[in-house]
Amino acid sequence: MASLGYDVTTSVATSASDEMKLRFAHAVGHRRVKNELPAVLRETVERGLAVPITNRGEVDAYLVPPEAREALERAERLREAIPLLMAAAAAGAAVPSQTLRELGIEIPFDWRALNRFTAGTAVTFTEGEAGEPWAVAPTALPEPVLEDESELGL
């Protein structure tokens, strides 16, 4: 069997930091796949190639390696969740970290960067939790407490 050559390369984003290159081989006719299935499967898995299978000149199916299929399934789950995530962001709703992790979205968190920010940013409270004005008590000076020696029981 002739080697399956590269024909098209497309990028599939599977998460915020992971991008997989899905490579397609030249199209293979369905009769050739039927007659030389072991060789086509071997090259598909070894090279990570997706092979378009044609029938009468039309692409009828794709033979996709296992790792590429898993990445495509993750991308499909993410594609389905994007409208919900966008609506939550527009409404100002919080999205649980577990939900993002299940979709393959990992948001890096750097405690050191947060510490630098809080150390270098002055914080002043202007409102309470419910939006009420923040009441500031006047500065109180300590007053000495005079004790009566008769109460000490000495």
C-alpha atoms as a PDB file:
ATOM      1  CA  MET A   1       0.000   0.000   0.000  1.00  0.00           C
ATOM      2  CA  ALA A   2       1.248   3.477  -0.793  1.00  0.00           C
ATOM      3  CA  SER A   3       1.962   5.726   2.156  1.00  0.00           C
ATOM      4  CA  LEU A   4      -0.826   8.043   3.233  1.00  0.00           C
ATOM      5  CA  GLY A   5       0.456  11.579   2.584  1.00  0.00           C
ATOM      6  CA  TYR A   6      -0.517  14.791   4.286  1.00  0.00           C
ATOM      7  CA  ASP A   7      -3.196  16.772   2.519  1.00  0.00           C
ATOM      8  CA  VAL A   8      -4.710  19.224   5.016  1.00  0.00           C
ATOM      9  CA  THR A   9      -3.842  20.402   8.531  1.00  0.00           C
ATOM     10  CA  THR A  10      -6.410  21.963  10.816  1.00  0.00           C
ATOM     11  CA  SER A  11      -6.177  23.175  14.406  1.00  0.00           C
ATOM     12  CA  VAL A  12      -8.569  21.906  17.040  1.00  0.00           C
ATOM     13  CA  ALA A  13      -8.518  23.800  20.347  1.00  0.00           C
ATOM     14  CA  THR A  14      -9.290  21.329  23.126  1.00  0.00           C
ATOM     15  CA  SER A  15      -8.750  23.663  26.077  1.00  0.00           C
ATOM     16  CA  ALA A  16      -7.469  27.131  26.871  1.00  0.00           C
ATOM     17  CA  SER A  17      -3.841  25.993  26.781  1.00  0.00           C
ATOM     18  CA  ASP A  18      -3.937  22.864  24.625  1.00  0.00           C
ATOM     19  CA  GLU A  19      -4.125  22.885  20.865  1.00  0.00           C
ATOM     20  CA  MET A  20      -3.967  19.753  18.794  1.00  0.00           C
ATOM     21  CA  LYS A  21      -3.044  19.593  15.131  1.00  0.00           C
ATOM     22  CA  LEU A  22      -5.376  17.176  13.381  1.00  0.00           C
ATOM     23  CA  ARG A  23      -3.715  16.028  10.181  1.00  0.00           C
ATOM     24  CA  PHE A  24      -5.613  14.556   7.286  1.00  0.00           C
ATOM     25  CA  ALA A  25      -4.184  12.050   4.867  1.00  0.00           C
ATOM     26  CA  HIS A  26      -5.120  11.899   1.213  1.00  0.00           C
ATOM     27  CA  ALA A  27      -8.570  10.457   0.726  1.00  0.00           C
ATOM     28  CA  VAL A  28      -8.775   6.681   0.477  1.00  0.00           C
ATOM     29  CA  GLY A  29     -11.490   4.862  -1.431  1.00  0.00           C
ATOM     30  CA  HIS A  30     -13.796   2.570   0.516  1.00  0.00           C
ATOM     31  CA  ARG A  31     -12.749  -0.468  -1.534  1.00  0.00           C
ATOM     32  CA  ARG A  32      -9.085   0.192  -0.734  1.00  0.00           C
ATOM     33  CA  VAL A  33      -9.938   0.465   2.963  1.00  0.00           C
ATOM     34  CA  LYS A  34     -11.835  -2.816   2.729  1.00  0.00           C
ATOM     35  CA  ASN A  35      -8.953  -4.587   0.948  1.00  0.00           C
ATOM     36  CA  GLU A  36      -6.068  -3.049   2.933  1.00  0.00           C
ATOM     37  CA  LEU A  37      -7.705  -2.297   6.288  1.00  0.00           C
ATOM     38  CA  PRO A  38      -4.809  -3.398   8.554  1.00  0.00           C
ATOM     39  CA  ALA A  39      -2.311  -1.153   6.749  1.00  0.00           C
ATOM     40  CA  VAL A  40      -4.685   1.836   6.716  1.00  0.00           C
ATOM     41  CA  LEU A  41      -5.439   1.394  10.437  1.00  0.00           C
ATOM     42  CA  ARG A  42      -1.759   1.009  11.288  1.00  0.00           C
ATOM     43  CA  GLU A  43      -0.791   4.223   9.494  1.00  0.00           C
ATOM     44  CA  THR A  44      -3.783   6.060  10.952  1.00  0.00           C
ATOM     45  CA  VAL A  45      -2.807   5.183  14.520  1.00  0.00           C
ATOM     46  CA  GLU A  46       0.989   5.386  14.139  1.00  0.00           C
ATOM     47  CA  ARG A  47       1.027   8.734  12.342  1.00  0.00           C
ATOM     48  CA  GLY A  48      -2.000  10.265  14.023  1.00  0.00           C
ATOM     49  CA  LEU A  49      -3.640  10.843  10.641  1.00  0.00           C
ATOM     50  CA  ALA A  50      -7.348  11.239  10.046  1.00  0.00           C
ATOM     51  CA  VAL A  51      -8.203   9.501   6.785  1.00  0.00           C
ATOM     52  CA  PRO A  52     -11.182  10.645   4.688  1.00  0.00           C
ATOM     53  CA  ILE A  53     -12.931   7.574   3.280  1.00  0.00           C
ATOM     54  CA  THR A  54     -14.559   8.204  -0.085  1.00  0.00           C
ATOM     55  CA  ASN A  55     -17.319   6.425  -1.925  1.00  0.00           C
ATOM     56  CA  ARG A  56     -17.844   7.399  -5.578  1.00  0.00           C
ATOM     57  CA  GLY A  57     -15.688  10.492  -5.139  1.00  0.00           C
ATOM     58  CA  GLU A  58     -17.607  11.866  -2.117  1.00  0.00           C
ATOM     59  CA  VAL A  59     -16.255  11.787   1.442  1.00  0.00           C
ATOM     60  CA  ASP A  60     -18.446   9.269   3.222  1.00  0.00           C
ATOM     61  CA  ALA A  61     -16.608   8.950   6.556  1.00  0.00           C
ATOM     62  CA  TYR A  62     -13.399   9.737   8.417  1.00  0.00           C
ATOM     63  CA  LEU A  63     -11.122   7.227  10.058  1.00  0.00           C
ATOM     64  CA  VAL A  64      -9.745   9.079  13.097  1.00  0.00           C
ATOM     65  CA  PRO A  65      -6.981   7.932  15.493  1.00  0.00           C
ATOM     66  CA  PRO A  66      -8.100   7.369  19.127  1.00  0.00           C
ATOM     67  CA  GLU A  67      -6.227  10.339  20.663  1.00  0.00           C
ATOM     68  CA  ALA A  68      -7.614  12.709  18.037  1.00  0.00           C
ATOM     69  CA  ARG A  69     -11.129  11.433  18.649  1.00  0.00           C
ATOM     70  CA  GLU A  70     -10.836  12.122  22.384  1.00  0.00           C
ATOM     71  CA  ALA A  71      -9.647  15.657  21.648  1.00  0.00           C
ATOM     72  CA  LEU A  72     -12.503  16.206  19.198  1.00  0.00           C
ATOM     73  CA  GLU A  73     -15.020  14.979  21.792  1.00  0.00           C
ATOM     74  CA  ARG A  74     -13.584  17.439  24.368  1.00  0.00           C
ATOM     75  CA  ALA A  75     -13.814  20.229  21.787  1.00  0.00           C
ATOM     76  CA  GLU A  76     -17.420  19.288  21.030  1.00  0.00           C
ATOM     77  CA  ARG A  77     -18.358  19.409  24.753  1.00  0.00           C
ATOM     78  CA  LEU A  78     -16.694  22.818  24.995  1.00  0.00           C
ATOM     79  CA  ARG A  79     -18.491  24.065  21.868  1.00  0.00           C
ATOM     80  CA  GLU A  80     -21.844  23.035  23.359  1.00  0.00           C
ATOM     81  CA  ALA A  81     -21.064  24.794  26.663  1.00  0.00           C
ATOM     82  CA  ILE A  82     -19.849  28.115  25.204  1.00  0.00           C
ATOM     83  CA  PRO A  83     -23.343  29.741  24.939  1.00  0.00           C
ATOM     84  CA  LEU A  84     -24.053  28.861  28.577  1.00  0.00           C
ATOM     85  CA  LEU A  85     -20.668  30.198  29.719  1.00  0.00           C
ATOM     86  CA  MET A  86     -21.175  33.421  27.737  1.00  0.00           C
ATOM     87  CA  ALA A  87     -24.661  33.917  29.224  1.00  0.00           C
ATOM     88  CA  ALA A  88     -23.291  33.349  32.738  1.00  0.00           C
ATOM     89  CA  ALA A  89     -20.496  35.864  32.124  1.00  0.00           C
ATOM     90  CA  ALA A  90     -22.945  38.444  30.725  1.00  0.00           C
ATOM     91  CA  ALA A  91     -25.213  37.997  33.766  1.00  0.00           C
ATOM     92  CA  GLY A  92     -22.282  38.245  36.165  1.00  0.00           C
ATOM     93  CA  ALA A  93     -22.946  34.737  37.480  1.00  0.00           C
ATOM     94  CA  ALA A  94     -20.141  32.640  38.883  1.00  0.00           C
ATOM     95  CA  VAL A  95     -19.214  29.410  37.113  1.00  0.00           C
ATOM     96  CA  PRO A  96     -17.927  26.702  39.465  1.00  0.00           C
ATOM     97  CA  SER A  97     -14.299  25.665  38.990  1.00  0.00           C
ATOM     98  CA  GLN A  98     -15.355  22.010  38.800  1.00  0.00           C
ATOM     99  CA  THR A  99     -17.556  22.783  35.779  1.00  0.00           C
ATOM    100  CA  LEU A 100     -14.666  24.496  34.020  1.00  0.00           C
ATOM    101  CA  ARG A 101     -12.307  21.593  34.813  1.00  0.00           C
ATOM    102  CA  GLU A 102     -14.805  19.074  33.394  1.00  0.00           C
ATOM    103  CA  LEU A 103     -14.868  21.096  30.169  1.00  0.00           C
ATOM    104  CA  GLY A 104     -11.071  20.995  30.012  1.00  0.00           C
ATOM    105  CA  ILE A 105     -10.642  24.657  30.916  1.00  0.00           C
ATOM    106  CA  GLU A 106      -7.845  25.171  33.396  1.00  0.00           C
ATOM    107  CA  ILE A 107      -7.414  28.693  34.670  1.00  0.00           C
ATOM    108  CA  PRO A 108      -3.988  29.128  36.243  1.00  0.00           C
ATOM    109  CA  PHE A 109      -4.012  30.745  39.660  1.00  0.00           C
ATOM    110  CA  ASP A 110      -0.890  32.403  41.026  1.00  0.00           C
ATOM    111  CA  TRP A 111      -1.033  33.111  44.761  1.00  0.00           C
ATOM    112  CA  ARG A 112       2.179  35.120  44.537  1.00  0.00           C
ATOM    113  CA  ALA A 113       0.663  37.482  41.967  1.00  0.00           C
ATOM    114  CA  LEU A 114      -2.408  37.897  44.178  1.00  0.00           C
ATOM    115  CA  ASN A 115      -0.182  38.618  47.191  1.00  0.00           C
ATOM    116  CA  ARG A 116       1.803  41.216  45.212  1.00  0.00           C
ATOM    117  CA  PHE A 117      -1.420  42.872  44.101  1.00  0.00           C
ATOM    118  CA  THR A 118      -2.945  43.020  47.580  1.00  0.00           C
ATOM    119  CA  ALA A 119       0.324  44.251  49.127  1.00  0.00           C
ATOM    120  CA  GLY A 120       0.657  47.059  46.596  1.00  0.00           C
ATOM    121  CA  THR A 121      -2.988  48.136  46.430  1.00  0.00           C
ATOM    122  CA  ALA A 122      -4.557  50.301  49.104  1.00  0.00           C
ATOM    123  CA  VAL A 123      -7.979  49.091  50.165  1.00  0.00           C
ATOM    124  CA  THR A 124     -10.635  51.417  51.526  1.00  0.00           C
ATOM    125  CA  PHE A 125     -14.112  50.289  52.412  1.00  0.00           C
ATOM    126  CA  THR A 126     -16.915  52.558  51.236  1.00  0.00           C
ATOM    127  CA  GLU A 127     -19.984  50.328  51.619  1.00  0.00           C
ATOM    128  CA  GLY A 128     -21.143  47.402  53.717  1.00  0.00           C
ATOM    129  CA  GLU A 129     -22.212  44.004  52.369  1.00  0.00           C
ATOM    130  CA  ALA A 130     -25.734  45.171  51.554  1.00  0.00           C
ATOM    131  CA  GLY A 131     -24.573  48.459  49.991  1.00  0.00           C
ATOM    132  CA  GLU A 132     -25.277  50.591  53.050  1.00  0.00           C
ATOM    133  CA  PRO A 133     -22.860  53.469  53.701  1.00  0.00           C
ATOM    134  CA  TRP A 134     -19.846  52.464  55.721  1.00  0.00           C
ATOM    135  CA  ALA A 135     -19.978  54.039  59.168  1.00  0.00           C
ATOM    136  CA  VAL A 136     -16.605  55.176  60.404  1.00  0.00           C
ATOM    137  CA  ALA A 137     -16.217  55.542  64.148  1.00  0.00           C
ATOM    138  CA  PRO A 138     -14.255  58.535  65.384  1.00  0.00           C
ATOM    139  CA  THR A 139     -10.738  57.823  66.491  1.00  0.00           C
ATOM    140  CA  ALA A 140     -10.829  56.762  70.118  1.00  0.00           C
ATOM    141  CA  LEU A 141      -7.958  57.480  72.474  1.00  0.00           C
ATOM    142  CA  PRO A 142      -7.226  55.021  75.226  1.00  0.00           C
ATOM    143  CA  GLU A 143      -8.314  56.159  78.662  1.00  0.00           C
ATOM    144  CA  PRO A 144      -6.493  54.983  81.762  1.00  0.00           C
ATOM    145  CA  VAL A 145      -8.584  52.886  84.099  1.00  0.00           C
ATOM    146  CA  LEU A 146      -8.225  53.901  87.734  1.00  0.00           C
ATOM    147  CA  GLU A 147      -8.549  51.005  90.073  1.00  0.00           C
ATOM    148  CA  ASP A 148      -9.545  51.194  93.691  1.00  0.00           C
ATOM    149  CA  GLU A 149      -6.998  49.343  95.800  1.00  0.00           C
ATOM    150  CA  SER A 150      -9.692  48.303  98.265  1.00  0.00           C
ATOM    151  CA  GLU A 151     -11.400  46.205  95.578  1.00  0.00           C
ATOM    152  CA  LEU A 152      -8.248  44.209  94.860  1.00  0.00           C
ATOM    153  CA  GLY A 153      -8.375  42.439  98.184  1.00  0.00           C
ATOM    154  CA  LEU A 154      -4.766  43.086  99.067  1.00  0.00           C
END
